[in-house]
Amino acid sequence: MSESKPRVDFDALAAIVAQRAGADAGASYTRSLIEKGVAKCAQKLGEEAVETALAAVAADTKAVVSEAADLLYHLAVLLQVRGVPLEDIYAELGRRTAQSGLEEKASRPKG
């Protein structure tokens, strides 16, 4: 019988990132990344987004899973460093999903 692996949802991931944000930078990649600032965190998020997209186009499902996990981790780090609570994201998603995507896009300010 094999051990089941723990399932980590985005709330749990964000909590882990928040905890590790307070750790020593020498012991925590998360803390060392946060210490480099928002720009570096944003750069890492962008890199992971591109890597996820490239894996998807290459039709490499295992790589998509791996890169998507990296992407979500780096998103959690960026939200942490910017002080954006997940509840704000969830509220925005709730607002947007209350109508069709086309209606939501049409309601955005033109810029």
N, C-alpha and C. Protein backbone atom coordinates (compact mmCIF):
# COMPACT_ATOMS: atom_id res chain seq x y z
N MET A 1 0.83 -1.18 0.00
CA MET A 1 0.00 0.00 0.00
C MET A 1 0.89 1.25 0.00
N SER A 2 0.64 2.16 -0.94
CA SER A 2 1.46 3.36 -1.03
C SER A 2 0.86 4.48 -0.18
N GLU A 3 1.74 5.33 0.30
CA GLU A 3 1.29 6.48 1.09
C GLU A 3 0.68 7.51 0.16
N SER A 4 -0.42 8.09 0.61
CA SER A 4 -1.00 9.16 -0.20
C SER A 4 -0.24 10.45 0.09
N LYS A 5 -0.06 11.20 -0.95
CA LYS A 5 0.66 12.46 -0.81
C LYS A 5 -0.31 13.53 -0.35
N PRO A 6 0.17 14.47 0.48
CA PRO A 6 -0.74 15.52 0.95
C PRO A 6 -1.17 16.41 -0.21
N ARG A 7 -2.42 16.78 -0.19
CA ARG A 7 -2.96 17.70 -1.20
C ARG A 7 -2.84 19.11 -0.64
N VAL A 8 -2.25 19.99 -1.40
CA VAL A 8 -2.08 21.38 -0.98
C VAL A 8 -2.87 22.26 -1.92
N ASP A 9 -3.89 22.94 -1.39
CA ASP A 9 -4.64 23.88 -2.22
C ASP A 9 -3.99 25.25 -2.12
N PHE A 10 -4.53 26.22 -2.84
CA PHE A 10 -3.87 27.52 -2.90
C PHE A 10 -3.89 28.23 -1.55
N ASP A 11 -4.95 28.05 -0.77
CA ASP A 11 -4.98 28.65 0.57
C ASP A 11 -3.85 28.09 1.43
N ALA A 12 -3.66 26.78 1.38
CA ALA A 12 -2.59 26.15 2.16
C ALA A 12 -1.23 26.61 1.66
N LEU A 13 -1.07 26.70 0.35
CA LEU A 13 0.19 27.17 -0.22
C LEU A 13 0.50 28.59 0.25
N ALA A 14 -0.50 29.46 0.21
CA ALA A 14 -0.31 30.85 0.66
C ALA A 14 0.08 30.89 2.14
N ALA A 15 -0.50 30.01 2.94
CA ALA A 15 -0.16 29.96 4.37
C ALA A 15 1.28 29.51 4.57
N ILE A 16 1.71 28.53 3.78
CA ILE A 16 3.10 28.06 3.85
C ILE A 16 4.05 29.18 3.45
N VAL A 17 3.72 29.89 2.38
CA VAL A 17 4.55 31.02 1.92
C VAL A 17 4.61 32.09 3.01
N ALA A 18 3.48 32.41 3.63
CA ALA A 18 3.45 33.42 4.69
C ALA A 18 4.33 33.01 5.86
N GLN A 19 4.28 31.74 6.22
CA GLN A 19 5.11 31.23 7.32
C GLN A 19 6.58 31.33 6.95
N ARG A 20 6.92 30.90 5.75
CA ARG A 20 8.33 30.90 5.33
C ARG A 20 8.85 32.31 5.07
N ALA A 21 7.96 33.25 4.84
CA ALA A 21 8.37 34.64 4.65
C ALA A 21 9.04 35.19 5.90
N GLY A 22 8.70 34.62 7.05
CA GLY A 22 9.30 35.06 8.30
C GLY A 22 10.54 34.28 8.71
N ALA A 23 10.94 33.33 7.90
CA ALA A 23 12.10 32.49 8.23
C ALA A 23 13.40 33.22 7.89
N ASP A 24 14.49 32.61 8.25
CA ASP A 24 15.81 33.13 7.91
C ASP A 24 16.07 32.90 6.42
N ALA A 25 16.60 33.92 5.74
CA ALA A 25 16.85 33.82 4.30
C ALA A 25 17.83 32.70 3.96
N GLY A 26 18.72 32.38 4.86
CA GLY A 26 19.68 31.31 4.61
C GLY A 26 19.05 29.93 4.64
N ALA A 27 17.86 29.85 5.25
CA ALA A 27 17.18 28.56 5.37
C ALA A 27 15.93 28.48 4.51
N SER A 28 15.55 29.58 3.87
CA SER A 28 14.28 29.59 3.14
C SER A 28 14.43 30.29 1.79
N TYR A 29 14.19 29.53 0.73
CA TYR A 29 14.19 30.13 -0.61
C TYR A 29 13.12 31.21 -0.69
N THR A 30 11.97 30.95 -0.09
CA THR A 30 10.88 31.92 -0.12
C THR A 30 11.33 33.25 0.47
N ARG A 31 11.95 33.19 1.65
CA ARG A 31 12.40 34.41 2.31
C ARG A 31 13.48 35.11 1.47
N SER A 32 14.39 34.35 0.90
CA SER A 32 15.46 34.97 0.11
C SER A 32 14.89 35.65 -1.13
N LEU A 33 13.85 35.06 -1.71
CA LEU A 33 13.20 35.66 -2.88
C LEU A 33 12.48 36.94 -2.47
N ILE A 34 11.77 36.91 -1.38
CA ILE A 34 11.04 38.09 -0.90
C ILE A 34 12.00 39.23 -0.60
N GLU A 35 13.15 38.91 -0.04
CA GLU A 35 14.14 39.95 0.27
C GLU A 35 14.67 40.64 -0.99
N LYS A 36 14.55 40.00 -2.14
CA LYS A 36 15.00 40.61 -3.39
C LYS A 36 14.00 41.62 -3.93
N GLY A 37 12.80 41.64 -3.37
CA GLY A 37 11.83 42.67 -3.72
C GLY A 37 10.78 42.25 -4.73
N VAL A 38 9.82 43.16 -4.89
CA VAL A 38 8.67 42.91 -5.76
C VAL A 38 9.10 42.66 -7.20
N ALA A 39 10.05 43.45 -7.70
CA ALA A 39 10.45 43.31 -9.10
C ALA A 39 11.00 41.91 -9.38
N LYS A 40 11.82 41.38 -8.49
CA LYS A 40 12.38 40.04 -8.68
C LYS A 40 11.28 38.98 -8.59
N CYS A 41 10.36 39.17 -7.64
CA CYS A 41 9.24 38.23 -7.50
C CYS A 41 8.37 38.25 -8.76
N ALA A 42 8.14 39.43 -9.29
CA ALA A 42 7.35 39.55 -10.52
C ALA A 42 8.08 38.92 -11.70
N GLN A 43 9.39 39.10 -11.77
CA GLN A 43 10.19 38.49 -12.83
C GLN A 43 10.08 36.97 -12.77
N LYS A 44 10.20 36.40 -11.58
CA LYS A 44 10.11 34.95 -11.42
C LYS A 44 8.71 34.46 -11.82
N LEU A 45 7.68 35.20 -11.46
CA LEU A 45 6.32 34.82 -11.84
C LEU A 45 6.19 34.81 -13.36
N GLY A 46 6.72 35.83 -14.02
CA GLY A 46 6.67 35.89 -15.48
C GLY A 46 7.42 34.74 -16.13
N GLU A 47 8.58 34.41 -15.59
CA GLU A 47 9.35 33.29 -16.14
C GLU A 47 8.56 31.99 -16.04
N GLU A 48 7.94 31.78 -14.89
CA GLU A 48 7.17 30.54 -14.70
C GLU A 48 5.93 30.51 -15.59
N ALA A 49 5.33 31.66 -15.84
CA ALA A 49 4.17 31.71 -16.74
C ALA A 49 4.59 31.30 -18.15
N VAL A 50 5.71 31.82 -18.60
CA VAL A 50 6.21 31.46 -19.94
C VAL A 50 6.56 29.97 -19.99
N GLU A 51 7.22 29.47 -18.96
CA GLU A 51 7.59 28.06 -18.95
C GLU A 51 6.34 27.16 -18.94
N THR A 52 5.29 27.58 -18.26
CA THR A 52 4.04 26.82 -18.24
C THR A 52 3.42 26.81 -19.63
N ALA A 53 3.39 27.97 -20.27
CA ALA A 53 2.82 28.06 -21.62
C ALA A 53 3.62 27.22 -22.61
N LEU A 54 4.93 27.27 -22.53
CA LEU A 54 5.77 26.48 -23.44
C LEU A 54 5.56 24.98 -23.24
N ALA A 55 5.43 24.56 -21.99
CA ALA A 55 5.17 23.14 -21.71
C ALA A 55 3.82 22.72 -22.28
N ALA A 56 2.84 23.60 -22.20
CA ALA A 56 1.51 23.29 -22.74
C ALA A 56 1.56 23.13 -24.25
N VAL A 57 2.26 24.01 -24.92
CA VAL A 57 2.38 23.95 -26.38
C VAL A 57 3.16 22.70 -26.81
N ALA A 58 4.11 22.31 -26.00
CA ALA A 58 4.91 21.12 -26.31
C ALA A 58 4.13 19.83 -26.01
N ALA A 59 2.94 19.98 -25.47
CA ALA A 59 2.08 18.84 -25.14
C ALA A 59 2.74 17.89 -24.14
N ASP A 60 3.47 18.46 -23.21
CA ASP A 60 4.16 17.69 -22.18
C ASP A 60 3.39 17.85 -20.87
N THR A 61 2.46 16.93 -20.63
CA THR A 61 1.55 17.06 -19.48
C THR A 61 2.31 17.07 -18.16
N LYS A 62 3.30 16.22 -18.01
CA LYS A 62 4.07 16.19 -16.77
C LYS A 62 4.76 17.54 -16.53
N ALA A 63 5.31 18.12 -17.59
CA ALA A 63 5.96 19.43 -17.46
C ALA A 63 4.94 20.53 -17.16
N VAL A 64 3.75 20.43 -17.75
CA VAL A 64 2.69 21.41 -17.46
C VAL A 64 2.36 21.37 -15.97
N VAL A 65 2.21 20.19 -15.42
CA VAL A 65 1.90 20.05 -13.99
C VAL A 65 3.00 20.67 -13.15
N SER A 66 4.24 20.35 -13.47
CA SER A 66 5.37 20.87 -12.72
C SER A 66 5.48 22.39 -12.83
N GLU A 67 5.38 22.90 -14.05
CA GLU A 67 5.50 24.35 -14.25
C GLU A 67 4.31 25.10 -13.65
N ALA A 68 3.11 24.51 -13.72
CA ALA A 68 1.94 25.16 -13.12
C ALA A 68 2.10 25.25 -11.61
N ALA A 69 2.68 24.22 -11.00
CA ALA A 69 2.95 24.27 -9.56
C ALA A 69 3.94 25.39 -9.25
N ASP A 70 4.99 25.51 -10.06
CA ASP A 70 5.94 26.62 -9.89
C ASP A 70 5.25 27.96 -10.05
N LEU A 71 4.37 28.06 -11.04
CA LEU A 71 3.64 29.30 -11.31
C LEU A 71 2.78 29.69 -10.11
N LEU A 72 2.04 28.74 -9.57
CA LEU A 72 1.19 29.04 -8.42
C LEU A 72 2.02 29.43 -7.20
N TYR A 73 3.14 28.76 -7.00
CA TYR A 73 4.03 29.11 -5.89
C TYR A 73 4.51 30.55 -6.03
N HIS A 74 4.99 30.90 -7.22
CA HIS A 74 5.52 32.26 -7.41
C HIS A 74 4.41 33.31 -7.35
N LEU A 75 3.19 32.95 -7.74
CA LEU A 75 2.06 33.86 -7.56
C LEU A 75 1.81 34.08 -6.07
N ALA A 76 1.85 33.01 -5.29
CA ALA A 76 1.65 33.15 -3.84
C ALA A 76 2.73 34.03 -3.22
N VAL A 77 3.97 33.89 -3.68
CA VAL A 77 5.06 34.73 -3.18
C VAL A 77 4.82 36.19 -3.55
N LEU A 78 4.44 36.45 -4.79
CA LEU A 78 4.19 37.83 -5.21
C LEU A 78 3.04 38.45 -4.41
N LEU A 79 1.98 37.71 -4.21
CA LEU A 79 0.86 38.23 -3.41
C LEU A 79 1.32 38.52 -1.98
N GLN A 80 2.16 37.65 -1.43
CA GLN A 80 2.69 37.86 -0.08
C GLN A 80 3.52 39.13 0.00
N VAL A 81 4.44 39.30 -0.93
CA VAL A 81 5.33 40.46 -0.89
C VAL A 81 4.58 41.76 -1.13
N ARG A 82 3.49 41.70 -1.89
CA ARG A 82 2.66 42.89 -2.12
C ARG A 82 1.59 43.10 -1.06
N GLY A 83 1.42 42.12 -0.17
CA GLY A 83 0.43 42.24 0.90
C GLY A 83 -1.00 42.13 0.41
N VAL A 84 -1.20 41.37 -0.66
CA VAL A 84 -2.55 41.19 -1.23
C VAL A 84 -3.16 39.93 -0.62
N PRO A 85 -4.24 40.08 0.16
CA PRO A 85 -4.86 38.89 0.75
C PRO A 85 -5.64 38.09 -0.28
N LEU A 86 -5.62 36.77 -0.10
CA LEU A 86 -6.35 35.90 -1.02
C LEU A 86 -7.84 36.24 -1.04
N GLU A 87 -8.38 36.70 0.07
CA GLU A 87 -9.79 37.05 0.10
C GLU A 87 -10.12 38.12 -0.94
N ASP A 88 -9.20 39.05 -1.17
CA ASP A 88 -9.41 40.07 -2.21
C ASP A 88 -9.49 39.44 -3.59
N ILE A 89 -8.63 38.46 -3.84
CA ILE A 89 -8.63 37.76 -5.13
C ILE A 89 -9.93 36.98 -5.29
N TYR A 90 -10.31 36.26 -4.23
CA TYR A 90 -11.53 35.46 -4.29
C TYR A 90 -12.77 36.35 -4.48
N ALA A 91 -12.77 37.50 -3.83
CA ALA A 91 -13.90 38.43 -3.99
C ALA A 91 -13.98 38.93 -5.43
N GLU A 92 -12.83 39.24 -6.01
CA GLU A 92 -12.82 39.70 -7.41
C GLU A 92 -13.29 38.60 -8.36
N LEU A 93 -12.84 37.37 -8.10
CA LEU A 93 -13.30 36.26 -8.93
C LEU A 93 -14.81 36.07 -8.78
N GLY A 94 -15.30 36.21 -7.57
CA GLY A 94 -16.74 36.10 -7.35
C GLY A 94 -17.51 37.16 -8.10
N ARG A 95 -16.99 38.39 -8.08
CA ARG A 95 -17.64 39.49 -8.80
C ARG A 95 -17.66 39.20 -10.29
N ARG A 96 -16.53 38.72 -10.81
CA ARG A 96 -16.43 38.46 -12.25
C ARG A 96 -17.28 37.28 -12.70
N THR A 97 -17.39 36.26 -11.89
CA THR A 97 -18.13 35.09 -12.30
C THR A 97 -19.64 35.24 -12.10
N ALA A 98 -20.05 36.36 -11.54
CA ALA A 98 -21.48 36.62 -11.38
C ALA A 98 -22.11 37.00 -12.71
N GLN A 99 -21.30 37.21 -13.73
CA GLN A 99 -21.79 37.54 -15.07
C GLN A 99 -20.92 36.80 -16.08
N SER A 100 -21.32 36.84 -17.33
CA SER A 100 -20.52 36.16 -18.35
C SER A 100 -19.19 36.90 -18.54
N GLY A 101 -18.21 36.17 -19.04
CA GLY A 101 -16.90 36.77 -19.30
C GLY A 101 -16.97 37.93 -20.28
N LEU A 102 -17.83 37.81 -21.29
CA LEU A 102 -17.96 38.89 -22.27
C LEU A 102 -18.57 40.14 -21.63
N GLU A 103 -19.56 39.94 -20.77
CA GLU A 103 -20.17 41.08 -20.07
C GLU A 103 -19.15 41.73 -19.14
N GLU A 104 -18.38 40.89 -18.44
CA GLU A 104 -17.39 41.41 -17.51
C GLU A 104 -16.34 42.22 -18.25
N LYS A 105 -15.84 41.71 -19.37
CA LYS A 105 -14.83 42.44 -20.14
C LYS A 105 -15.39 43.76 -20.66
N ALA A 106 -16.63 43.76 -21.11
CA ALA A 106 -17.25 44.98 -21.63
C ALA A 106 -17.42 46.03 -20.54
N SER A 107 -17.52 45.60 -19.28
CA SER A 107 -17.74 46.55 -18.19
C SER A 107 -16.45 47.19 -17.70
N ARG A 108 -15.30 46.70 -18.14
CA ARG A 108 -14.02 47.26 -17.70
C ARG A 108 -13.82 48.63 -18.34
N PRO A 109 -13.20 49.54 -17.59
CA PRO A 109 -12.92 50.86 -18.17
C PRO A 109 -12.00 50.74 -19.39
N LYS A 110 -12.30 51.50 -20.39
CA LYS A 110 -11.47 51.50 -21.60
C LYS A 110 -10.22 52.33 -21.31
N GLY A 111 -9.07 51.83 -21.68
CA GLY A 111 -7.88 52.59 -21.36
C GLY A 111 -6.90 52.46 -22.38
